[in-house]
Amino acid sequence: MPECMETGEPMKVLVTGVTGQLGFDVLKVLQTRKIECRGTGRKEFDLTDPESTWDYIIRYHPDAVIHCAAYTAVDQAEDEPELCRKVNAEGTRHIAQACKKIGAKMLYLSTDYVFPGTGENAYETNDPKGPQSVYGSTKLGGEEAVRELLKQHFIVRISWVFGQNGNNFVKTMLRLGKERSKMNIVCDQIGSPTYTADLAPLLCDMIVTEKYGTYHATNEGYCSWAEFASEIFRQAGYLTKVNFIPTSEYPSRAKRPFNSRMSKRSLDQAGFHRLPEWQDALKRFFEKIGV
């Protein structure tokens, strides 16, 4: 059985949110590496119910929890702030409390939305926070709970996620691109796509170490949503034309960050490998899903 790199002991890992894009791939990587693991969704326990969460985790007694489950409907969160807070902030606190009780380490997935989303510089991990949406503020609440309760923690901020399991921007563009000859896509929000099949191995590399702290992990390179869509259509062989429009012409319920650039300095300093370029990730994703 694979061991924790730092202690030489066998590991047992619990992964939340396995019905989502990232949790699905994380569980797959752990299984491939022959690490004892279990994936959970809403059926197994209710994140918003502390007793249910504590009971499940304490009974399974993992050495580590990779917490991928989250409320991610960014616009809907503006209308359901209490539910979003219960899942992202309080739910994360419940998991952290259980981890503290059994001495387990925890890896929490956070987001670029914890930052103000202004300027053009890449955010460092310790730059001032300033979430502009309910979603962002509740994810920041989750970060704060993990830091407060656990020394043995990893916080990994990601952005613009796409993967095989579940819905995402890439799949939406592929669907709409078949139906439309042109599309209006915002060009003034800049960030980095994150392919779950690239991110999952990095998270599994982290969890067997004691290199605790806060990290940013996305595929390399920056683009706007319009540039991302253009590359999707180019690689897929679609002739769909992308009209580059400002955010002001595409109002949404929640405020989106204009700047989602995040520095990878923390990964470099800890000796973790950066993820490949996002264009390469997209190519491999298409090969995976048969585009």
Protein backbone atom coordinates (compact mmCIF):
# COMPACT_ATOMS: atom_id res chain seq x y z
CA MET A 1 0.00 0.00 0.00
CA PRO A 2 1.38 3.50 -0.87
CA GLU A 3 2.71 5.46 2.06
CA CYS A 4 2.72 9.03 3.25
CA MET A 5 6.06 10.41 1.99
CA GLU A 6 6.81 12.17 5.25
CA THR A 7 5.93 9.42 7.76
CA GLY A 8 6.28 6.17 5.82
CA GLU A 9 2.82 5.10 7.03
CA PRO A 10 0.02 3.76 4.75
CA MET A 11 -2.57 6.40 3.88
CA LYS A 12 -6.35 6.42 3.75
CA VAL A 13 -7.99 9.37 1.93
CA LEU A 14 -11.59 10.61 1.83
CA VAL A 15 -12.64 12.66 -1.21
CA THR A 16 -15.81 14.78 -1.09
CA GLY A 17 -17.74 15.86 -4.17
CA VAL A 18 -16.95 12.82 -6.34
CA THR A 19 -19.98 13.43 -8.53
CA GLY A 20 -18.36 16.70 -9.66
CA GLN A 21 -15.59 17.32 -12.18
CA LEU A 22 -12.59 17.47 -9.85
CA GLY A 23 -13.61 14.97 -7.17
CA PHE A 24 -14.25 12.39 -9.90
CA ASP A 25 -10.68 12.74 -11.24
CA VAL A 26 -9.04 12.92 -7.80
CA LEU A 27 -10.64 9.62 -6.76
CA LYS A 28 -9.52 8.06 -10.05
CA VAL A 29 -5.89 9.12 -9.50
CA LEU A 30 -5.85 7.82 -5.91
CA GLN A 31 -7.24 4.48 -7.08
CA THR A 32 -4.64 4.28 -9.87
CA ARG A 33 -1.91 4.91 -7.29
CA LYS A 34 -3.36 2.15 -5.09
CA ILE A 35 -3.99 4.56 -2.21
CA GLU A 36 -6.88 3.43 0.00
CA CYS A 37 -9.66 5.93 -0.62
CA ARG A 38 -13.38 6.55 -0.58
CA GLY A 39 -15.45 9.09 -2.48
CA THR A 40 -18.58 10.75 -1.11
CA GLY A 41 -21.47 12.77 -2.47
CA ARG A 42 -24.71 14.05 -0.99
CA LYS A 43 -25.98 10.50 -0.44
CA GLU A 44 -23.25 9.69 2.09
CA PHE A 45 -23.59 12.75 4.34
CA ASP A 46 -25.06 16.24 4.32
CA LEU A 47 -22.33 18.90 4.52
CA THR A 48 -24.78 21.36 6.04
CA ASP A 49 -25.52 18.98 8.93
CA PRO A 50 -22.60 18.96 11.39
CA GLU A 51 -23.56 15.71 13.15
CA SER A 52 -23.98 13.84 9.86
CA THR A 53 -20.60 15.13 8.62
CA TRP A 54 -18.70 14.45 11.85
CA ASP A 55 -20.21 10.99 12.24
CA TYR A 56 -19.32 9.87 8.72
CA ILE A 57 -15.75 11.18 8.75
CA ILE A 58 -14.95 9.99 12.27
CA ARG A 59 -16.29 6.50 11.50
CA TYR A 60 -14.27 6.21 8.28
CA HIS A 61 -11.26 7.75 10.09
CA PRO A 62 -9.18 8.85 7.08
CA ASP A 63 -5.62 10.17 7.34
CA ALA A 64 -6.58 12.97 4.96
CA VAL A 65 -9.64 14.61 3.40
CA ILE A 66 -9.57 16.23 -0.05
CA HIS A 67 -12.60 18.51 0.04
CA CYS A 68 -13.83 19.09 -3.53
CA ALA A 69 -17.56 19.46 -2.77
CA ALA A 70 -18.90 23.01 -3.04
CA TYR A 71 -21.84 25.19 -4.00
CA THR A 72 -20.58 26.56 -7.34
CA ALA A 73 -23.65 28.13 -9.00
CA VAL A 74 -22.19 31.63 -8.89
CA ASP A 75 -25.25 33.58 -10.10
CA GLN A 76 -27.77 31.47 -8.19
CA ALA A 77 -25.77 32.06 -5.00
CA GLU A 78 -26.82 35.73 -5.12
CA ASP A 79 -30.41 34.53 -4.63
CA GLU A 80 -29.50 31.74 -2.18
CA PRO A 81 -26.79 33.31 -0.02
CA GLU A 82 -27.71 31.35 3.10
CA LEU A 83 -27.58 27.97 1.37
CA CYS A 84 -24.31 28.88 -0.33
CA ARG A 85 -22.81 29.91 3.03
CA LYS A 86 -24.04 26.72 4.72
CA VAL A 87 -22.31 24.56 2.11
CA ASN A 88 -19.12 26.49 1.37
CA ALA A 89 -18.28 28.10 4.71
CA GLU A 90 -20.10 26.10 7.41
CA GLY A 91 -19.84 22.76 5.59
CA THR A 92 -16.09 23.24 5.26
CA ARG A 93 -15.89 24.11 8.96
CA HIS A 94 -17.71 20.87 9.84
CA ILE A 95 -15.18 18.85 7.84
CA ALA A 96 -12.25 20.73 9.39
CA GLN A 97 -13.65 20.06 12.89
CA ALA A 98 -13.87 16.33 12.14
CA CYS A 99 -10.32 16.34 10.74
CA LYS A 100 -9.08 18.06 13.90
CA LYS A 101 -10.78 15.47 16.11
CA ILE A 102 -9.12 12.51 14.36
CA GLY A 103 -5.79 14.21 13.53
CA ALA A 104 -6.35 14.09 9.76
CA LYS A 105 -4.88 16.56 7.30
CA MET A 106 -7.20 18.45 4.96
CA LEU A 107 -6.93 19.83 1.44
CA TYR A 108 -9.54 22.48 0.64
CA LEU A 109 -10.25 23.68 -2.89
CA SER A 110 -10.79 27.43 -3.07
CA THR A 111 -11.11 29.94 -5.88
CA ASP A 112 -9.82 33.08 -7.62
CA TYR A 113 -13.13 34.69 -6.52
CA VAL A 114 -11.67 35.39 -3.05
CA PHE A 115 -9.71 38.29 -4.60
CA PRO A 116 -11.12 41.67 -5.73
CA GLY A 117 -10.45 40.75 -9.39
CA THR A 118 -8.95 44.11 -10.32
CA GLY A 119 -5.67 45.22 -11.90
CA GLU A 120 -3.46 43.16 -14.21
CA ASN A 121 -0.87 41.60 -11.88
CA ALA A 122 -1.02 37.94 -10.89
CA TYR A 123 -2.32 37.59 -7.34
CA GLU A 124 0.11 36.13 -4.80
CA THR A 125 -1.34 33.73 -2.23
CA ASN A 126 -1.16 36.28 0.61
CA ASP A 127 -2.43 39.32 -1.32
CA PRO A 128 -5.39 41.16 0.27
CA LYS A 129 -8.72 39.43 -0.24
CA GLY A 130 -11.87 41.19 -1.36
CA PRO A 131 -14.54 38.88 -2.77
CA GLN A 132 -17.15 40.65 -4.90
CA SER A 133 -19.84 37.94 -4.82
CA VAL A 134 -21.67 35.67 -2.40
CA TYR A 135 -19.83 32.68 -3.86
CA GLY A 136 -16.43 34.32 -3.35
CA SER A 137 -17.15 35.41 0.21
CA THR A 138 -18.41 31.96 1.22
CA LYS A 139 -15.35 30.25 -0.26
CA LEU A 140 -13.18 32.70 1.66
CA GLY A 141 -15.18 31.75 4.76
CA GLY A 142 -14.20 28.14 4.11
CA GLU A 143 -10.53 29.12 3.89
CA GLU A 144 -10.74 30.97 7.18
CA ALA A 145 -12.36 27.98 8.93
CA VAL A 146 -9.65 25.61 7.70
CA ARG A 147 -6.82 27.95 8.79
CA GLU A 148 -8.41 28.56 12.17
CA LEU A 149 -8.92 24.88 13.02
CA LEU A 150 -6.09 22.97 11.37
CA LYS A 151 -2.32 23.35 11.16
CA GLN A 152 -2.18 20.35 8.81
CA HIS A 153 -3.92 21.96 5.87
CA PHE A 154 -3.53 22.73 2.18
CA ILE A 155 -5.64 25.45 0.57
CA VAL A 156 -5.51 25.30 -3.23
CA ARG A 157 -7.11 28.10 -5.27
CA ILE A 158 -8.20 27.18 -8.79
CA SER A 159 -10.17 28.82 -11.61
CA TRP A 160 -12.09 28.15 -14.84
CA VAL A 161 -12.34 24.39 -14.25
CA PHE A 162 -13.12 21.89 -17.00
CA GLY A 163 -13.12 18.09 -16.95
CA GLN A 164 -14.73 14.96 -18.28
CA ASN A 165 -17.36 14.55 -15.56
CA GLY A 166 -19.99 17.29 -15.41
CA ASN A 167 -20.81 20.55 -17.15
CA ASN A 168 -18.33 23.30 -17.94
CA PHE A 169 -17.56 26.17 -20.33
CA VAL A 170 -15.82 23.91 -22.87
CA LYS A 171 -18.75 21.52 -23.16
CA THR A 172 -21.17 24.45 -23.40
CA MET A 173 -19.15 26.01 -26.24
CA LEU A 174 -19.01 22.68 -28.09
CA ARG A 175 -22.79 22.35 -27.82
CA LEU A 176 -23.61 25.94 -28.80
CA GLY A 177 -20.92 26.05 -31.48
CA LYS A 178 -22.74 23.32 -33.39
CA GLU A 179 -25.93 25.39 -33.39
CA ARG A 180 -24.65 28.92 -34.03
CA SER A 181 -22.50 30.60 -36.66
CA LYS A 182 -21.40 33.35 -34.26
CA MET A 183 -21.33 33.97 -30.52
CA ASN A 184 -20.77 36.96 -28.24
CA ILE A 185 -18.19 36.17 -25.53
CA VAL A 186 -16.68 38.55 -22.96
CA CYS A 187 -13.11 39.62 -23.64
CA ASP A 188 -12.19 41.68 -20.56
CA GLN A 189 -12.15 38.93 -17.91
CA ILE A 190 -8.68 37.35 -17.88
CA GLY A 191 -7.70 34.09 -16.19
CA SER A 192 -6.37 30.57 -16.59
CA PRO A 193 -8.35 27.44 -17.46
CA THR A 194 -7.79 24.44 -15.18
CA TYR A 195 -8.06 20.89 -16.52
CA THR A 196 -9.10 18.52 -13.74
CA ALA A 197 -7.08 15.62 -15.19
CA ASP A 198 -3.94 17.79 -14.75
CA LEU A 199 -4.92 19.21 -11.36
CA ALA A 200 -5.94 15.91 -9.71
CA PRO A 201 -2.44 14.34 -9.80
CA LEU A 202 -0.97 17.50 -8.26
CA LEU A 203 -3.47 17.37 -5.37
CA CYS A 204 -2.65 13.69 -4.83
CA ASP A 205 1.07 14.59 -4.83
CA MET A 206 0.42 17.24 -2.17
CA ILE A 207 -1.70 15.15 0.17
CA VAL A 208 1.08 12.61 0.83
CA THR A 209 3.45 15.38 1.98
CA GLU A 210 3.52 17.79 4.90
CA LYS A 211 4.17 20.85 2.71
CA TYR A 212 1.20 22.63 4.23
CA GLY A 213 0.08 26.08 3.12
CA THR A 214 -1.83 27.99 0.46
CA TYR A 215 -1.26 27.38 -3.25
CA HIS A 216 -2.52 28.53 -6.62
CA ALA A 217 -2.90 25.77 -9.21
CA THR A 218 -4.18 26.35 -12.74
CA ASN A 219 -2.86 25.42 -16.15
CA GLU A 220 -0.14 27.75 -17.40
CA GLY A 221 -0.93 30.82 -19.50
CA TYR A 222 -3.67 33.45 -19.45
CA CYS A 223 -6.58 34.18 -21.77
CA SER A 224 -9.96 35.89 -21.86
CA TRP A 225 -13.17 33.90 -22.09
CA ALA A 226 -13.44 35.01 -25.73
CA GLU A 227 -9.91 33.76 -26.47
CA PHE A 228 -10.71 30.51 -24.68
CA ALA A 229 -13.85 30.07 -26.82
CA SER A 230 -11.92 30.86 -29.99
CA GLU A 231 -9.33 28.18 -29.18
CA ILE A 232 -12.09 25.68 -28.37
CA PHE A 233 -13.68 26.25 -31.79
CA ARG A 234 -10.30 26.19 -33.57
CA GLN A 235 -9.23 22.90 -32.02
CA ALA A 236 -12.68 21.36 -32.54
CA GLY A 237 -12.69 22.41 -36.19
CA TYR A 238 -15.80 24.60 -35.82
CA LEU A 239 -16.27 27.67 -38.03
CA THR A 240 -18.20 29.53 -35.31
CA LYS A 241 -17.15 33.20 -35.17
CA VAL A 242 -16.48 34.74 -31.76
CA ASN A 243 -17.45 38.38 -31.24
CA PHE A 244 -15.31 39.87 -28.46
CA ILE A 245 -17.58 41.94 -26.20
CA PRO A 246 -17.03 43.80 -22.89
CA THR A 247 -18.60 42.50 -19.66
CA SER A 248 -20.83 45.60 -19.65
CA GLU A 249 -22.68 44.11 -22.64
CA TYR A 250 -23.24 40.78 -20.85
CA PRO A 251 -24.66 41.56 -17.41
CA SER A 252 -24.86 38.72 -14.89
CA ARG A 253 -26.40 38.37 -11.45
CA ALA A 254 -23.01 37.99 -9.71
CA LYS A 255 -20.04 40.24 -10.30
CA ARG A 256 -17.24 38.40 -12.12
CA PRO A 257 -13.54 39.15 -11.56
CA PHE A 258 -11.84 40.99 -14.42
CA ASN A 259 -8.46 39.73 -13.23
CA SER A 260 -8.20 36.07 -12.25
CA ARG A 261 -4.45 35.79 -12.83
CA MET A 262 -2.81 33.88 -9.96
CA SER A 263 0.90 33.51 -9.26
CA LYS A 264 2.35 29.98 -8.98
CA ARG A 265 5.28 31.06 -6.83
CA SER A 266 4.02 28.95 -3.91
CA LEU A 267 4.09 25.79 -6.06
CA ASP A 268 7.64 26.57 -7.19
CA GLN A 269 8.87 27.23 -3.66
CA ALA A 270 7.42 23.92 -2.38
CA GLY A 271 8.94 21.95 -5.25
CA PHE A 272 5.65 21.00 -6.91
CA HIS A 273 5.45 20.88 -10.71
CA ARG A 274 3.33 23.47 -12.49
CA LEU A 275 0.52 22.25 -14.74
CA PRO A 276 0.96 22.24 -18.56
CA GLU A 277 -0.14 25.10 -20.85
CA TRP A 278 -3.92 25.45 -21.08
CA GLN A 279 -3.97 25.00 -24.88
CA ASP A 280 -2.22 21.64 -24.48
CA ALA A 281 -4.67 20.67 -21.73
CA LEU A 282 -7.60 21.48 -24.02
CA LYS A 283 -6.10 19.33 -26.78
CA ARG A 284 -5.76 16.35 -24.43
CA PHE A 285 -9.29 16.90 -23.09
CA PHE A 286 -10.66 16.73 -26.65
CA GLU A 287 -8.73 13.51 -27.26
CA LYS A 288 -10.24 12.11 -24.05
CA ILE A 289 -13.85 12.93 -24.96
CA GLY A 290 -13.43 12.10 -28.65
CA VAL A 291 -13.74 15.56 -30.24
